[in-house]
N, C-alpha and C. Protein backbone atom coordinates (compact mmCIF):
# COMPACT_ATOMS: atom_id res chain seq x y z
N UNK A 1 0.84 -1.17 0.00
CA UNK A 1 0.00 0.00 0.00
C UNK A 1 0.89 1.23 0.00
N UNK A 2 0.57 2.17 -0.82
CA UNK A 2 1.39 3.36 -0.93
C UNK A 2 1.12 4.35 0.18
N UNK A 3 -0.11 4.59 0.49
CA UNK A 3 -0.44 5.57 1.52
C UNK A 3 -1.92 5.54 1.82
N UNK A 4 -2.26 6.07 2.95
CA UNK A 4 -3.66 6.14 3.36
C UNK A 4 -4.02 7.60 3.52
N UNK A 5 -5.09 7.99 2.89
CA UNK A 5 -5.49 9.40 2.92
C UNK A 5 -6.35 9.67 4.14
N UNK A 6 -5.97 10.64 4.92
CA UNK A 6 -6.73 11.12 6.08
C UNK A 6 -6.92 12.61 5.89
N UNK A 7 -8.09 12.99 5.46
CA UNK A 7 -8.31 14.40 5.18
C UNK A 7 -7.44 14.81 4.02
N UNK A 8 -6.58 15.79 4.22
CA UNK A 8 -5.71 16.25 3.14
C UNK A 8 -4.32 15.64 3.20
N UNK A 9 -4.03 14.88 4.24
CA UNK A 9 -2.70 14.28 4.40
C UNK A 9 -2.72 12.83 3.96
N UNK A 10 -1.62 12.38 3.42
CA UNK A 10 -1.45 10.98 3.08
C UNK A 10 -0.34 10.44 3.96
N UNK A 11 -0.69 9.44 4.77
CA UNK A 11 0.29 8.80 5.64
C UNK A 11 0.84 7.60 4.92
N UNK A 12 2.14 7.55 4.78
CA UNK A 12 2.76 6.45 4.06
C UNK A 12 3.37 5.47 5.04
N UNK A 13 3.31 4.22 4.66
CA UNK A 13 3.88 3.18 5.51
C UNK A 13 4.55 2.14 4.63
N UNK A 14 5.80 1.84 4.91
CA UNK A 14 6.47 0.78 4.17
C UNK A 14 6.27 -0.56 4.87
N UNK A 15 5.75 -0.55 6.07
CA UNK A 15 5.50 -1.76 6.83
C UNK A 15 4.15 -2.35 6.44
N UNK A 16 4.15 -3.44 5.68
CA UNK A 16 2.91 -4.03 5.22
C UNK A 16 2.05 -4.50 6.38
N UNK A 17 2.66 -5.00 7.46
CA UNK A 17 1.89 -5.46 8.60
C UNK A 17 1.13 -4.31 9.24
N UNK A 18 1.77 -3.17 9.36
CA UNK A 18 1.13 -2.02 9.97
C UNK A 18 0.11 -1.35 9.08
N UNK A 19 0.30 -1.45 7.78
CA UNK A 19 -0.61 -0.77 6.87
C UNK A 19 -1.85 -1.60 6.55
N UNK A 20 -1.80 -2.90 6.71
CA UNK A 20 -2.96 -3.74 6.39
C UNK A 20 -4.17 -3.39 7.25
N UNK A 21 -4.02 -3.24 8.57
CA UNK A 21 -5.19 -2.86 9.37
C UNK A 21 -5.75 -1.50 8.99
N UNK A 22 -4.89 -0.56 8.64
CA UNK A 22 -5.35 0.77 8.24
C UNK A 22 -6.13 0.65 6.93
N UNK A 23 -5.62 -0.15 5.99
CA UNK A 23 -6.32 -0.34 4.73
C UNK A 23 -7.65 -1.04 4.95
N UNK A 24 -7.68 -2.02 5.84
CA UNK A 24 -8.93 -2.74 6.11
C UNK A 24 -9.97 -1.81 6.72
N UNK A 25 -9.55 -0.95 7.65
CA UNK A 25 -10.48 0.00 8.25
C UNK A 25 -10.97 1.02 7.22
N UNK A 26 -10.08 1.44 6.32
CA UNK A 26 -10.49 2.36 5.27
C UNK A 26 -11.52 1.72 4.36
N UNK A 27 -11.34 0.43 4.09
CA UNK A 27 -12.27 -0.29 3.23
C UNK A 27 -13.61 -0.53 3.92
N UNK A 28 -13.60 -0.64 5.24
CA UNK A 28 -14.81 -0.99 5.99
C UNK A 28 -15.60 0.21 6.48
N UNK A 29 -15.05 1.40 6.35
CA UNK A 29 -15.75 2.57 6.86
C UNK A 29 -15.91 3.60 5.75
N UNK A 30 -16.82 4.49 5.94
CA UNK A 30 -17.02 5.53 4.95
C UNK A 30 -18.30 5.33 4.15
N UNK A 31 -18.48 6.16 3.16
CA UNK A 31 -19.74 6.13 2.41
C UNK A 31 -19.90 4.93 1.48
N UNK A 32 -18.81 4.42 0.91
CA UNK A 32 -18.94 3.31 -0.04
C UNK A 32 -19.48 2.04 0.60
N UNK A 33 -18.92 1.58 1.73
CA UNK A 33 -19.48 0.40 2.36
C UNK A 33 -20.92 0.61 2.82
N UNK A 34 -21.23 1.81 3.28
CA UNK A 34 -22.59 2.09 3.72
C UNK A 34 -23.55 2.01 2.54
N UNK A 35 -23.14 2.50 1.39
CA UNK A 35 -23.96 2.40 0.18
C UNK A 35 -24.18 0.94 -0.20
N UNK A 36 -23.13 0.13 -0.13
CA UNK A 36 -23.26 -1.29 -0.45
C UNK A 36 -24.21 -1.99 0.53
N UNK A 37 -24.08 -1.67 1.80
CA UNK A 37 -24.96 -2.29 2.79
C UNK A 37 -26.42 -1.90 2.56
N UNK A 38 -26.63 -0.66 2.18
CA UNK A 38 -28.00 -0.18 1.96
C UNK A 38 -28.56 -0.69 0.64
N UNK A 39 -27.79 -0.54 -0.45
CA UNK A 39 -28.31 -0.84 -1.79
C UNK A 39 -28.21 -2.32 -2.16
N UNK A 40 -27.10 -2.95 -1.84
CA UNK A 40 -26.90 -4.34 -2.24
C UNK A 40 -27.51 -5.29 -1.21
N UNK A 41 -27.20 -5.07 0.07
CA UNK A 41 -27.71 -5.95 1.12
C UNK A 41 -29.13 -5.57 1.55
N UNK A 42 -29.60 -4.41 1.09
CA UNK A 42 -30.97 -3.95 1.40
C UNK A 42 -31.22 -3.79 2.90
N UNK A 43 -30.22 -3.26 3.62
CA UNK A 43 -30.37 -3.04 5.05
C UNK A 43 -30.94 -1.65 5.31
N UNK A 44 -31.61 -1.52 6.44
CA UNK A 44 -32.09 -0.19 6.86
C UNK A 44 -30.88 0.63 7.30
N UNK A 45 -31.03 1.94 7.44
CA UNK A 45 -29.89 2.74 7.91
C UNK A 45 -29.35 2.26 9.26
N UNK A 46 -30.24 1.92 10.20
CA UNK A 46 -29.79 1.45 11.50
C UNK A 46 -29.06 0.11 11.39
N UNK A 47 -29.57 -0.79 10.56
CA UNK A 47 -28.91 -2.09 10.37
C UNK A 47 -27.54 -1.91 9.72
N UNK A 48 -27.44 -1.01 8.76
CA UNK A 48 -26.17 -0.76 8.09
C UNK A 48 -25.13 -0.22 9.07
N UNK A 49 -25.54 0.68 9.94
CA UNK A 49 -24.63 1.21 10.96
C UNK A 49 -24.20 0.10 11.91
N UNK A 50 -25.13 -0.76 12.30
CA UNK A 50 -24.81 -1.86 13.21
C UNK A 50 -23.80 -2.82 12.58
N UNK A 51 -24.03 -3.19 11.34
CA UNK A 51 -23.12 -4.10 10.65
C UNK A 51 -21.74 -3.45 10.47
N UNK A 52 -21.73 -2.19 10.08
CA UNK A 52 -20.47 -1.47 9.91
C UNK A 52 -19.68 -1.42 11.22
N UNK A 53 -20.37 -1.16 12.31
CA UNK A 53 -19.71 -1.15 13.62
C UNK A 53 -19.15 -2.50 13.99
N UNK A 54 -19.90 -3.57 13.67
CA UNK A 54 -19.42 -4.92 13.94
C UNK A 54 -18.15 -5.21 13.15
N UNK A 55 -18.13 -4.81 11.88
CA UNK A 55 -16.96 -5.05 11.03
C UNK A 55 -15.74 -4.33 11.61
N UNK A 56 -15.90 -3.09 11.99
CA UNK A 56 -14.78 -2.32 12.54
C UNK A 56 -14.28 -2.95 13.84
N UNK A 57 -15.22 -3.36 14.72
CA UNK A 57 -14.80 -4.01 15.97
C UNK A 57 -14.07 -5.33 15.70
N UNK A 58 -14.55 -6.10 14.73
CA UNK A 58 -13.90 -7.37 14.39
C UNK A 58 -12.49 -7.13 13.84
N UNK A 59 -12.34 -6.12 13.00
CA UNK A 59 -11.01 -5.80 12.47
C UNK A 59 -10.07 -5.34 13.58
N UNK A 60 -10.57 -4.53 14.49
CA UNK A 60 -9.74 -4.08 15.60
C UNK A 60 -9.35 -5.25 16.51
N UNK A 61 -10.29 -6.14 16.78
CA UNK A 61 -9.99 -7.31 17.62
C UNK A 61 -8.93 -8.18 16.96
N UNK A 62 -9.05 -8.39 15.66
CA UNK A 62 -8.05 -9.19 14.94
C UNK A 62 -6.70 -8.50 14.96
N UNK A 63 -6.70 -7.20 14.79
CA UNK A 63 -5.45 -6.45 14.79
C UNK A 63 -4.77 -6.50 16.16
N UNK A 64 -5.56 -6.43 17.20
CA UNK A 64 -5.01 -6.44 18.55
C UNK A 64 -4.69 -7.85 19.04
N UNK A 65 -4.95 -8.85 18.23
CA UNK A 65 -4.59 -10.21 18.59
C UNK A 65 -5.63 -10.95 19.41
N UNK A 66 -6.84 -10.41 19.52
CA UNK A 66 -7.86 -11.07 20.30
C UNK A 66 -8.59 -12.15 19.51
N UNK A 67 -8.60 -12.06 18.20
CA UNK A 67 -9.32 -13.03 17.38
C UNK A 67 -8.52 -14.33 17.31
N UNK A 68 -9.22 -15.45 17.38
CA UNK A 68 -8.59 -16.74 17.22
C UNK A 68 -7.89 -17.27 18.45
N UNK A 69 -8.05 -16.63 19.58
CA UNK A 69 -7.40 -17.10 20.80
C UNK A 69 -8.38 -17.75 21.76
N UNK A 70 -9.55 -18.06 21.29
CA UNK A 70 -10.54 -18.70 22.15
C UNK A 70 -11.20 -17.74 23.11
N UNK A 71 -11.15 -16.46 22.83
CA UNK A 71 -11.77 -15.46 23.71
C UNK A 71 -13.14 -15.05 23.19
N UNK A 72 -13.81 -15.94 22.59
CA UNK A 72 -15.13 -15.63 22.02
C UNK A 72 -16.11 -15.29 23.14
N UNK A 73 -16.67 -14.12 23.08
CA UNK A 73 -17.63 -13.68 24.08
C UNK A 73 -18.97 -13.47 23.40
N UNK A 74 -20.03 -13.55 24.17
CA UNK A 74 -21.34 -13.30 23.57
C UNK A 74 -21.37 -11.87 23.06
N UNK A 75 -22.03 -11.68 21.94
CA UNK A 75 -22.10 -10.36 21.34
C UNK A 75 -20.99 -10.08 20.35
N UNK A 76 -20.05 -11.02 20.17
CA UNK A 76 -18.96 -10.80 19.24
C UNK A 76 -19.28 -11.26 17.83
N UNK A 77 -20.38 -11.96 17.64
CA UNK A 77 -20.74 -12.44 16.32
C UNK A 77 -21.35 -11.34 15.50
N UNK A 78 -21.54 -11.63 14.23
CA UNK A 78 -22.15 -10.61 13.36
C UNK A 78 -23.59 -10.35 13.78
N UNK A 79 -24.07 -9.14 13.55
CA UNK A 79 -25.46 -8.84 13.90
C UNK A 79 -26.39 -9.71 13.06
N UNK A 80 -27.50 -10.07 13.66
CA UNK A 80 -28.45 -10.91 12.91
C UNK A 80 -29.66 -10.13 12.48
């Protein structure tokens, strides 16, 4: 990844490990994913926000090393 745009600044990272979570969060947040959730998945605005929040929390948990360690807690699954 060359850089991640935050407002008017582009933060560059040569560390692929460090840039992957930033890229994943960029892909999971913002207007494009919300449009896909609303138009393609046919979710209500509240459902789209809930799913988007779940995705971001799951990405953060994986980044912080909590995913896959048997720490599954209730409420960690995707919204139904």
